[in-house]
Amino acid sequence: MGPFEEFAIKIAEILEVDETQLTPETEFRAATPYWSSLMGFGILVMLEEDYGQVMSVDDFLKAKTVGELYQRTEPKG
């Protein structure tokens, strides 16, 4: 299992969907039939706790796809 697949599993748990539904191009808010701000908060917390990446609310609101979120897991160098 690669790094994206591991990330997709974490996102899928938060969104309460099957991880096989998620690709880098998937619009994460549309992936779940009942998006909520709590799911968004869960994603922000997961990015910080699991990857050490803090994402501002403004940046999060601009993000559309799972791939955009995944890019945030890569260390800045």
C-alpha atoms as a PDB file:
ATOM      1  CA  MET A   1       0.000   0.000   0.000  1.00  0.00           C
ATOM      2  CA  GLY A   2       1.399   3.363  -1.010  1.00  0.00           C
ATOM      3  CA  PRO A   3       1.326   6.697   0.799  1.00  0.00           C
ATOM      4  CA  PHE A   4      -1.702   7.993  -1.117  1.00  0.00           C
ATOM      5  CA  GLU A   5      -3.689   4.851  -0.322  1.00  0.00           C
ATOM      6  CA  GLU A   6      -2.867   5.226   3.380  1.00  0.00           C
ATOM      7  CA  PHE A   7      -3.980   8.869   3.223  1.00  0.00           C
ATOM      8  CA  ALA A   8      -7.177   7.888   1.371  1.00  0.00           C
ATOM      9  CA  ILE A   9      -8.041   5.413   4.143  1.00  0.00           C
ATOM     10  CA  LYS A  10      -7.759   8.182   6.744  1.00  0.00           C
ATOM     11  CA  ILE A  11      -9.880  10.584   4.673  1.00  0.00           C
ATOM     12  CA  ALA A  12     -12.432   7.832   3.986  1.00  0.00           C
ATOM     13  CA  GLU A  13     -12.801   7.165   7.714  1.00  0.00           C
ATOM     14  CA  ILE A  14     -13.547  10.841   8.342  1.00  0.00           C
ATOM     15  CA  LEU A  15     -15.956  11.086   5.395  1.00  0.00           C
ATOM     16  CA  GLU A  16     -17.529   7.715   6.232  1.00  0.00           C
ATOM     17  CA  VAL A  17     -17.069   6.392   2.689  1.00  0.00           C
ATOM     18  CA  ASP A  18     -15.198   3.473   1.123  1.00  0.00           C
ATOM     19  CA  GLU A  19     -11.597   4.426   0.398  1.00  0.00           C
ATOM     20  CA  THR A  20     -11.840   2.841  -3.059  1.00  0.00           C
ATOM     21  CA  GLN A  21     -14.135   5.741  -3.997  1.00  0.00           C
ATOM     22  CA  LEU A  22     -11.333   8.245  -3.439  1.00  0.00           C
ATOM     23  CA  THR A  23      -8.789   9.230  -6.065  1.00  0.00           C
ATOM     24  CA  PRO A  24      -6.568  12.314  -6.164  1.00  0.00           C
ATOM     25  CA  GLU A  25      -9.196  13.931  -8.422  1.00  0.00           C
ATOM     26  CA  THR A  26     -12.146  13.219  -6.106  1.00  0.00           C
ATOM     27  CA  GLU A  27     -13.831  16.345  -4.785  1.00  0.00           C
ATOM     28  CA  PHE A  28     -13.866  15.381  -1.125  1.00  0.00           C
ATOM     29  CA  ARG A  29     -16.908  17.431  -0.113  1.00  0.00           C
ATOM     30  CA  ALA A  30     -18.950  15.717  -2.837  1.00  0.00           C
ATOM     31  CA  ALA A  31     -17.666  12.238  -1.903  1.00  0.00           C
ATOM     32  CA  THR A  32     -19.997  12.011   1.074  1.00  0.00           C
ATOM     33  CA  PRO A  33     -23.772  12.380   0.839  1.00  0.00           C
ATOM     34  CA  TYR A  34     -23.844  14.505   3.990  1.00  0.00           C
ATOM     35  CA  TRP A  35     -20.828  16.820   4.237  1.00  0.00           C
ATOM     36  CA  SER A  36     -20.513  18.650   7.543  1.00  0.00           C
ATOM     37  CA  SER A  37     -18.134  21.185   9.012  1.00  0.00           C
ATOM     38  CA  LEU A  38     -17.191  18.566  11.624  1.00  0.00           C
ATOM     39  CA  MET A  39     -15.782  16.407   8.834  1.00  0.00           C
ATOM     40  CA  GLY A  40     -13.746  19.394   7.682  1.00  0.00           C
ATOM     41  CA  PHE A  41     -12.461  19.933  11.204  1.00  0.00           C
ATOM     42  CA  GLY A  42     -11.588  16.231  11.388  1.00  0.00           C
ATOM     43  CA  ILE A  43      -9.515  16.527   8.213  1.00  0.00           C
ATOM     44  CA  LEU A  44      -7.657  19.572   9.564  1.00  0.00           C
ATOM     45  CA  VAL A  45      -6.913  17.760  12.834  1.00  0.00           C
ATOM     46  CA  MET A  46      -5.749  14.623  10.982  1.00  0.00           C
ATOM     47  CA  LEU A  47      -3.387  16.682   8.790  1.00  0.00           C
ATOM     48  CA  GLU A  48      -1.826  18.236  11.870  1.00  0.00           C
ATOM     49  CA  GLU A  49      -1.691  15.163  14.122  1.00  0.00           C
ATOM     50  CA  ASP A  50      -0.675  12.552  11.552  1.00  0.00           C
ATOM     51  CA  TYR A  51       1.444  14.657   9.187  1.00  0.00           C
ATOM     52  CA  GLY A  52       2.535  17.687  11.228  1.00  0.00           C
ATOM     53  CA  GLN A  53       0.971  20.023   8.665  1.00  0.00           C
ATOM     54  CA  VAL A  54      -1.159  22.962   9.764  1.00  0.00           C
ATOM     55  CA  MET A  55      -3.638  24.069   7.110  1.00  0.00           C
ATOM     56  CA  SER A  56      -5.422  27.379   7.513  1.00  0.00           C
ATOM     57  CA  VAL A  57      -9.187  27.460   7.250  1.00  0.00           C
ATOM     58  CA  ASP A  58      -8.852  29.737   4.194  1.00  0.00           C
ATOM     59  CA  ASP A  59      -6.575  27.223   2.446  1.00  0.00           C
ATOM     60  CA  PHE A  60      -8.906  24.391   3.401  1.00  0.00           C
ATOM     61  CA  LEU A  61     -11.901  26.213   1.948  1.00  0.00           C
ATOM     62  CA  LYS A  62      -9.969  26.738  -1.310  1.00  0.00           C
ATOM     63  CA  ALA A  63      -9.035  23.044  -1.547  1.00  0.00           C
ATOM     64  CA  LYS A  64     -11.375  20.957  -3.684  1.00  0.00           C
ATOM     65  CA  THR A  65      -9.831  17.538  -4.202  1.00  0.00           C
ATOM     66  CA  VAL A  66      -8.341  14.729  -2.145  1.00  0.00           C
ATOM     67  CA  GLY A  67      -5.126  15.263  -4.111  1.00  0.00           C
ATOM     68  CA  GLU A  68      -4.891  18.875  -2.978  1.00  0.00           C
ATOM     69  CA  LEU A  69      -5.199  17.720   0.624  1.00  0.00           C
ATOM     70  CA  TYR A  70      -2.656  14.943   0.036  1.00  0.00           C
ATOM     71  CA  GLN A  71      -0.119  17.488  -1.241  1.00  0.00           C
ATOM     72  CA  ARG A  72      -0.244  19.045   2.231  1.00  0.00           C
ATOM     73  CA  THR A  73       1.191  15.838   3.728  1.00  0.00           C
ATOM     74  CA  GLU A  74       4.483  16.341   1.922  1.00  0.00           C
ATOM     75  CA  PRO A  75       7.121  18.097   4.016  1.00  0.00           C
ATOM     76  CA  LYS A  76       7.973  21.593   2.876  1.00  0.00           C
ATOM     77  CA  GLY A  77      11.565  21.785   1.804  1.00  0.00           C
END
